[in-house]
Amino acid sequence: MINIPQLILKNITDIHIRDNFLRLKEFFQDDVLLKGQWQFFELTFDGAVTDQDRAHGLGFKPLDVIQTSVTGAGTITFNNDSFTNENINVTTTGACVVRCFIGAYREQAARNSR
């Protein structure tokens, strides 16, 4: 989880400064990407693969993938049902480089940690 600093607003006596910090706090609390645990990956495939495991090192079973780009001739399928605490599982149609965030969107967990 992204660690957002705890803002102690009651110690700010100037109401304008306190209001600005309150707005910042609300902005960070409402940001969807900050409501989760994410790690960025760049996965390279030299050709087509079927049900290939790749270690992720997250320490939990990822629930979500945010794919940001694919370059090359291949396409990728993330086999979410085969994800484990150690590996993600993918199938590709050919050579490609995939950039993505892998992790879990956890809105309730993110709010409880603040």
Protein backbone atom coordinates (compact mmCIF):
# COMPACT_ATOMS: atom_id res chain seq x y z
CA MET A 1 0.00 0.00 0.00
CA ILE A 2 1.21 3.48 -0.74
CA ASN A 3 2.00 5.15 2.54
CA ILE A 4 0.30 8.55 2.65
CA PRO A 5 1.55 10.84 5.41
CA GLN A 6 -0.83 11.39 8.30
CA LEU A 7 -1.81 15.06 8.41
CA ILE A 8 -2.62 16.32 11.90
CA LEU A 9 -4.80 19.27 11.05
CA LYS A 10 -5.80 20.27 14.59
CA ASN A 11 -2.25 21.58 15.19
CA ILE A 12 -2.53 24.10 12.33
CA THR A 13 -3.84 27.35 13.79
CA ASP A 14 -4.09 29.39 10.56
CA ILE A 15 -7.51 28.51 9.10
CA HIS A 16 -6.43 29.12 5.49
CA ILE A 17 -3.44 26.81 5.77
CA ARG A 18 -5.55 24.22 7.63
CA ASP A 19 -8.19 24.41 4.87
CA ASN A 20 -5.56 23.87 2.18
CA PHE A 21 -4.15 20.85 4.01
CA LEU A 22 -7.68 19.49 4.45
CA ARG A 23 -8.20 19.76 0.69
CA LEU A 24 -4.92 17.90 0.09
CA LYS A 25 -5.94 15.18 2.53
CA GLU A 26 -9.32 14.75 0.80
CA PHE A 27 -7.64 14.66 -2.61
CA PHE A 28 -5.32 11.84 -1.56
CA GLN A 29 -8.16 9.92 0.13
CA ASP A 30 -10.23 10.06 -3.06
CA ASP A 31 -7.47 9.06 -5.50
CA VAL A 32 -8.33 5.62 -6.89
CA LEU A 33 -4.74 4.51 -7.50
CA LEU A 34 -3.78 5.32 -3.93
CA LYS A 35 -6.54 3.02 -2.65
CA GLY A 36 -4.55 -0.11 -3.17
CA GLN A 37 -1.28 -1.93 -3.24
CA TRP A 38 0.47 -1.73 -6.61
CA GLN A 39 3.82 -2.62 -8.09
CA PHE A 40 4.95 -1.65 -11.59
CA PHE A 41 6.14 -4.42 -13.94
CA GLU A 42 7.65 -4.53 -17.40
CA LEU A 43 7.27 -8.05 -18.79
CA THR A 44 9.20 -9.12 -21.90
CA PHE A 45 8.23 -12.11 -24.03
CA ASP A 46 10.36 -13.38 -26.94
CA GLY A 47 7.43 -15.27 -28.45
CA ALA A 48 4.11 -16.87 -27.72
CA VAL A 49 3.68 -18.51 -24.30
CA THR A 50 0.79 -20.43 -22.76
CA ASP A 51 -0.01 -20.40 -19.04
CA GLN A 52 3.43 -19.08 -18.09
CA ASP A 53 4.03 -18.22 -14.43
CA ARG A 54 6.00 -15.08 -13.57
CA ALA A 55 7.06 -14.29 -10.00
CA HIS A 56 5.64 -11.03 -8.65
CA GLY A 57 7.12 -10.74 -5.13
CA LEU A 58 4.07 -8.92 -3.74
CA GLY A 59 3.55 -11.18 -0.74
CA PHE A 60 -0.18 -11.60 -1.50
CA LYS A 61 -2.36 -12.88 -4.35
CA PRO A 62 -2.91 -9.95 -6.71
CA LEU A 63 -6.50 -9.29 -7.67
CA ASP A 64 -6.07 -6.57 -10.28
CA VAL A 65 -3.94 -5.63 -13.29
CA ILE A 66 -3.75 -2.17 -14.82
CA GLN A 67 -2.11 -2.58 -18.23
CA THR A 68 -0.48 0.63 -19.43
CA SER A 69 1.05 -0.45 -22.75
CA VAL A 70 1.93 -3.34 -25.05
CA THR A 71 4.59 -3.04 -27.73
CA GLY A 72 5.40 -5.69 -30.31
CA ALA A 73 3.34 -8.06 -32.40
CA GLY A 74 1.90 -10.10 -29.54
CA THR A 75 -1.04 -9.60 -27.24
CA ILE A 76 -1.29 -10.69 -23.62
CA THR A 77 -3.97 -12.34 -21.54
CA PHE A 78 -3.63 -12.25 -17.76
CA ASN A 79 -5.00 -15.53 -16.40
CA ASN A 80 -6.27 -14.06 -13.13
CA ASP A 81 -7.80 -17.35 -11.96
CA SER A 82 -4.29 -18.83 -11.91
CA PHE A 83 -2.65 -16.03 -9.88
CA THR A 84 -1.11 -17.15 -6.59
CA ASN A 85 0.71 -15.50 -3.68
CA GLU A 86 3.96 -16.02 -5.61
CA ASN A 87 3.13 -15.83 -9.34
CA ILE A 88 0.98 -14.24 -11.98
CA ASN A 89 0.03 -16.39 -14.98
CA VAL A 90 -0.05 -15.11 -18.56
CA THR A 91 -0.61 -16.23 -22.14
CA THR A 92 0.78 -14.28 -25.11
CA THR A 93 0.20 -14.60 -28.85
CA GLY A 94 3.72 -13.51 -29.80
CA ALA A 95 6.71 -11.39 -28.88
CA CYS A 96 5.82 -8.30 -26.87
CA VAL A 97 6.75 -6.05 -23.99
CA VAL A 98 3.97 -5.35 -21.50
CA ARG A 99 3.97 -2.54 -18.94
CA CYS A 100 1.48 -2.79 -16.11
CA PHE A 101 0.66 -2.28 -12.46
CA ILE A 102 -0.19 -5.47 -10.59
CA GLY A 103 -1.70 -5.56 -7.13
CA ALA A 104 -5.04 -5.08 -5.45
CA TYR A 105 -7.55 -2.26 -5.23
CA ARG A 106 -8.49 -2.09 -1.58
CA GLU A 107 -10.57 0.98 -0.88
CA GLN A 108 -11.73 -0.07 2.57
CA ALA A 109 -8.21 -1.12 3.62
CA ALA A 110 -6.81 2.18 2.34
CA ARG A 111 -9.33 4.24 4.29
CA ASN A 112 -8.79 2.25 7.48
CA SER A 113 -5.03 2.84 7.32
CA ARG A 114 -5.45 6.63 7.41
